[in-house]
Amino acid sequence: MPHTAVMLAAVSEDQGPGNTLRVVLLVALVGAALLAWFLLRGYRNDDNND
């Protein structure tokens, strides 16, 4: 069983799907923020490229 599935199974145990969905949403938002930072940092202008 993949590590993520084990973590989600442990989180959702005896709590219903609500907390699992919260964890998935939180991980997705953090991942999207990190991806945006990684992609956009290449476009910043430090005034060193003249």
PDB file of N, CA and C in Angstrom:
ATOM      1  N   MET A   1       0.851  -1.186   0.000  1.00  0.00           N
ATOM      2  CA  MET A   1       0.000   0.000   0.000  1.00  0.00           C
ATOM      3  C   MET A   1       0.893   1.244   0.000  1.00  0.00           C
ATOM      4  N   PRO A   2       0.641   2.182  -0.907  1.00  0.00           N
ATOM      5  CA  PRO A   2       1.471   3.396  -0.959  1.00  0.00           C
ATOM      6  C   PRO A   2       1.402   4.182   0.339  1.00  0.00           C
ATOM      7  N   HIS A   3       2.442   4.934   0.581  1.00  0.00           N
ATOM      8  CA  HIS A   3       2.547   5.701   1.821  1.00  0.00           C
ATOM      9  C   HIS A   3       1.378   6.664   1.989  1.00  0.00           C
ATOM     10  N   THR A   4       0.958   7.333   0.917  1.00  0.00           N
ATOM     11  CA  THR A   4      -0.144   8.297   0.990  1.00  0.00           C
ATOM     12  C   THR A   4      -1.438   7.602   1.384  1.00  0.00           C
ATOM     13  N   ALA A   5      -1.683   6.425   0.817  1.00  0.00           N
ATOM     14  CA  ALA A   5      -2.904   5.694   1.133  1.00  0.00           C
ATOM     15  C   ALA A   5      -2.915   5.275   2.599  1.00  0.00           C
ATOM     16  N   VAL A   6      -1.755   4.896   3.126  1.00  0.00           N
ATOM     17  CA  VAL A   6      -1.669   4.523   4.542  1.00  0.00           C
ATOM     18  C   VAL A   6      -1.975   5.728   5.414  1.00  0.00           C
ATOM     19  N   MET A   7      -1.419   6.896   5.058  1.00  0.00           N
ATOM     20  CA  MET A   7      -1.659   8.118   5.831  1.00  0.00           C
ATOM     21  C   MET A   7      -3.137   8.490   5.797  1.00  0.00           C
ATOM     22  N   LEU A   8      -3.749   8.422   4.609  1.00  0.00           N
ATOM     23  CA  LEU A   8      -5.162   8.785   4.500  1.00  0.00           C
ATOM     24  C   LEU A   8      -6.044   7.784   5.238  1.00  0.00           C
ATOM     25  N   ALA A   9      -5.681   6.529   5.213  1.00  0.00           N
ATOM     26  CA  ALA A   9      -6.456   5.529   5.939  1.00  0.00           C
ATOM     27  C   ALA A   9      -6.372   5.779   7.438  1.00  0.00           C
ATOM     28  N   ALA A  10      -5.201   6.165   7.923  1.00  0.00           N
ATOM     29  CA  ALA A  10      -5.047   6.441   9.350  1.00  0.00           C
ATOM     30  C   ALA A  10      -5.819   7.691   9.746  1.00  0.00           C
ATOM     31  N   VAL A  11      -5.834   8.684   8.873  1.00  0.00           N
ATOM     32  CA  VAL A  11      -6.546   9.927   9.180  1.00  0.00           C
ATOM     33  C   VAL A  11      -8.052   9.696   9.192  1.00  0.00           C
ATOM     34  N   SER A  12      -8.550   8.887   8.258  1.00  0.00           N
ATOM     35  CA  SER A  12      -9.995   8.741   8.108  1.00  0.00           C
ATOM     36  C   SER A  12     -10.587   7.655   9.002  1.00  0.00           C
ATOM     37  N   GLU A  13      -9.776   6.988   9.776  1.00  0.00           N
ATOM     38  CA  GLU A  13     -10.265   5.886  10.596  1.00  0.00           C
ATOM     39  C   GLU A  13     -11.262   6.382  11.644  1.00  0.00           C
ATOM     40  N   ASP A  14     -12.466   5.831  11.626  1.00  0.00           N
ATOM     41  CA  ASP A  14     -13.540   6.153  12.579  1.00  0.00           C
ATOM     42  C   ASP A  14     -13.939   7.621  12.560  1.00  0.00           C
ATOM     43  N   GLN A  15     -13.716   8.322  11.464  1.00  0.00           N
ATOM     44  CA  GLN A  15     -14.067   9.742  11.425  1.00  0.00           C
ATOM     45  C   GLN A  15     -14.919  10.097  10.214  1.00  0.00           C
ATOM     46  N   GLY A  16     -15.170   9.164   9.335  1.00  0.00           N
ATOM     47  CA  GLY A  16     -15.931   9.463   8.139  1.00  0.00           C
ATOM     48  C   GLY A  16     -15.059  10.131   7.094  1.00  0.00           C
ATOM     49  N   PRO A  17     -15.650  10.465   5.951  1.00  0.00           N
ATOM     50  CA  PRO A  17     -14.861  11.009   4.844  1.00  0.00           C
ATOM     51  C   PRO A  17     -14.517  12.493   4.982  1.00  0.00           C
ATOM     52  N   GLY A  18     -15.126  13.193   5.925  1.00  0.00           N
ATOM     53  CA  GLY A  18     -14.928  14.636   6.028  1.00  0.00           C
ATOM     54  C   GLY A  18     -13.487  15.026   6.286  1.00  0.00           C
ATOM     55  N   ASN A  19     -12.848  14.402   7.259  1.00  0.00           N
ATOM     56  CA  ASN A  19     -11.472  14.763   7.588  1.00  0.00           C
ATOM     57  C   ASN A  19     -10.511  14.338   6.489  1.00  0.00           C
ATOM     58  N   THR A  20     -10.794  13.225   5.836  1.00  0.00           N
ATOM     59  CA  THR A  20      -9.946  12.795   4.720  1.00  0.00           C
ATOM     60  C   THR A  20      -9.995  13.828   3.599  1.00  0.00           C
ATOM     61  N   LEU A  21     -11.183  14.328   3.300  1.00  0.00           N
ATOM     62  CA  LEU A  21     -11.302  15.349   2.255  1.00  0.00           C
ATOM     63  C   LEU A  21     -10.577  16.626   2.655  1.00  0.00           C
ATOM     64  N   ARG A  22     -10.622  16.975   3.941  1.00  0.00           N
ATOM     65  CA  ARG A  22      -9.881  18.152   4.403  1.00  0.00           C
ATOM     66  C   ARG A  22      -8.384  17.968   4.200  1.00  0.00           C
ATOM     67  N   VAL A  23      -7.876  16.783   4.519  1.00  0.00           N
ATOM     68  CA  VAL A  23      -6.443  16.511   4.349  1.00  0.00           C
ATOM     69  C   VAL A  23      -6.069  16.569   2.877  1.00  0.00           C
ATOM     70  N   VAL A  24      -6.884  15.963   2.019  1.00  0.00           N
ATOM     71  CA  VAL A  24      -6.604  15.969   0.583  1.00  0.00           C
ATOM     72  C   VAL A  24      -6.611  17.393   0.045  1.00  0.00           C
ATOM     73  N   LEU A  25      -7.589  18.198   0.450  1.00  0.00           N
ATOM     74  CA  LEU A  25      -7.646  19.589   0.008  1.00  0.00           C
ATOM     75  C   LEU A  25      -6.449  20.382   0.498  1.00  0.00           C
ATOM     76  N   LEU A  26      -6.069  20.194   1.745  1.00  0.00           N
ATOM     77  CA  LEU A  26      -4.921  20.912   2.294  1.00  0.00           C
ATOM     78  C   LEU A  26      -3.642  20.548   1.546  1.00  0.00           C
ATOM     79  N   VAL A  27      -3.442  19.261   1.310  1.00  0.00           N
ATOM     80  CA  VAL A  27      -2.244  18.827   0.582  1.00  0.00           C
ATOM     81  C   VAL A  27      -2.260  19.363  -0.842  1.00  0.00           C
ATOM     82  N   ALA A  28      -3.425  19.380  -1.482  1.00  0.00           N
ATOM     83  CA  ALA A  28      -3.529  19.898  -2.845  1.00  0.00           C
ATOM     84  C   ALA A  28      -3.223  21.396  -2.882  1.00  0.00           C
ATOM     85  N   LEU A  29      -3.728  22.156  -1.912  1.00  0.00           N
ATOM     86  CA  LEU A  29      -3.461  23.598  -1.884  1.00  0.00           C
ATOM     87  C   LEU A  29      -1.997  23.896  -1.620  1.00  0.00           C
ATOM     88  N   VAL A  30      -1.401  23.181  -0.687  1.00  0.00           N
ATOM     89  CA  VAL A  30       0.022  23.384  -0.407  1.00  0.00           C
ATOM     90  C   VAL A  30       0.854  22.987  -1.628  1.00  0.00           C
ATOM     91  N   GLY A  31       0.500  21.895  -2.257  1.00  0.00           N
ATOM     92  CA  GLY A  31       1.215  21.465  -3.460  1.00  0.00           C
ATOM     93  C   GLY A  31       1.075  22.466  -4.591  1.00  0.00           C
ATOM     94  N   ALA A  32      -0.122  23.029  -4.765  1.00  0.00           N
ATOM     95  CA  ALA A  32      -0.331  24.031  -5.814  1.00  0.00           C
ATOM     96  C   ALA A  32       0.480  25.291  -5.527  1.00  0.00           C
ATOM     97  N   ALA A  33       0.538  25.702  -4.260  1.00  0.00           N
ATOM     98  CA  ALA A  33       1.324  26.877  -3.903  1.00  0.00           C
ATOM     99  C   ALA A  33       2.808  26.643  -4.162  1.00  0.00           C
ATOM    100  N   LEU A  34       3.309  25.477  -3.796  1.00  0.00           N
ATOM    101  CA  LEU A  34       4.720  25.165  -4.048  1.00  0.00           C
ATOM    102  C   LEU A  34       5.016  25.076  -5.547  1.00  0.00           C
ATOM    103  N   LEU A  35       4.102  24.503  -6.312  1.00  0.00           N
ATOM    104  CA  LEU A  35       4.290  24.413  -7.749  1.00  0.00           C
ATOM    105  C   LEU A  35       4.294  25.798  -8.382  1.00  0.00           C
ATOM    106  N   ALA A  36       3.375  26.662  -7.950  1.00  0.00           N
ATOM    107  CA  ALA A  36       3.332  28.028  -8.475  1.00  0.00           C
ATOM    108  C   ALA A  36       4.617  28.771  -8.137  1.00  0.00           C
ATOM    109  N   TRP A  37       5.089  28.617  -6.903  1.00  0.00           N
ATOM    110  CA  TRP A  37       6.347  29.282  -6.524  1.00  0.00           C
ATOM    111  C   TRP A  37       7.493  28.779  -7.376  1.00  0.00           C
ATOM    112  N   PHE A  38       7.575  27.473  -7.570  1.00  0.00           N
ATOM    113  CA  PHE A  38       8.665  26.883  -8.344  1.00  0.00           C
ATOM    114  C   PHE A  38       8.638  27.367  -9.795  1.00  0.00           C
ATOM    115  N   LEU A  39       7.433  27.421 -10.383  1.00  0.00           N
ATOM    116  CA  LEU A  39       7.338  27.834 -11.774  1.00  0.00           C
ATOM    117  C   LEU A  39       7.546  29.333 -11.948  1.00  0.00           C
ATOM    118  N   LEU A  40       7.031  30.126 -11.025  1.00  0.00           N
ATOM    119  CA  LEU A  40       7.093  31.583 -11.182  1.00  0.00           C
ATOM    120  C   LEU A  40       8.425  32.183 -10.769  1.00  0.00           C
ATOM    121  N   ARG A  41       9.221  31.463  -9.988  1.00  0.00           N
ATOM    122  CA  ARG A  41      10.494  32.042  -9.553  1.00  0.00           C
ATOM    123  C   ARG A  41      11.448  32.223 -10.721  1.00  0.00           C
ATOM    124  N   GLY A  42      11.246  31.501 -11.797  1.00  0.00           N
ATOM    125  CA  GLY A  42      12.068  31.666 -12.978  1.00  0.00           C
ATOM    126  C   GLY A  42      11.757  32.938 -13.746  1.00  0.00           C
ATOM    127  N   TYR A  43      10.626  33.564 -13.474  1.00  0.00           N
ATOM    128  CA  TYR A  43      10.223  34.763 -14.204  1.00  0.00           C
ATOM    129  C   TYR A  43      10.535  36.052 -13.463  1.00  0.00           C
ATOM    130  N   ARG A  44      11.034  35.955 -12.240  1.00  0.00           N
ATOM    131  CA  ARG A  44      11.302  37.181 -11.491  1.00  0.00           C
ATOM    132  C   ARG A  44      12.492  37.915 -12.114  1.00  0.00           C
ATOM    133  N   ASN A  45      12.499  39.221 -11.946  1.00  0.00           N
ATOM    134  CA  ASN A  45      13.536  40.067 -12.531  1.00  0.00           C
ATOM    135  C   ASN A  45      14.359  40.664 -11.408  1.00  0.00           C
ATOM    136  N   ASP A  46      15.607  40.243 -11.284  1.00  0.00           N
ATOM    137  CA  ASP A  46      16.499  40.743 -10.230  1.00  0.00           C
ATOM    138  C   ASP A  46      17.398  41.872 -10.721  1.00  0.00           C
ATOM    139  N   ASP A  47      17.122  42.395 -11.906  1.00  0.00           N
ATOM    140  CA  ASP A  47      17.922  43.462 -12.523  1.00  0.00           C
ATOM    141  C   ASP A  47      19.369  43.031 -12.737  1.00  0.00           C
ATOM    142  N   ASN A  48      19.614  41.751 -12.881  1.00  0.00           N
ATOM    143  CA  ASN A  48      20.967  41.248 -13.121  1.00  0.00           C
ATOM    144  C   ASN A  48      21.107  40.703 -14.547  1.00  0.00           C
ATOM    145  N   ASN A  49      20.054  40.832 -15.336  1.00  0.00           N
ATOM    146  CA  ASN A  49      20.079  40.221 -16.668  1.00  0.00           C
ATOM    147  C   ASN A  49      20.166  41.263 -17.778  1.00  0.00           C
ATOM    148  N   ASP A  50      20.773  42.386 -17.538  1.00  0.00           N
ATOM    149  CA  ASP A  50      20.898  43.445 -18.549  1.00  0.00           C
ATOM    150  C   ASP A  50      21.985  43.139 -19.542  1.00  0.00           C
TER     151      ASP A  50
END
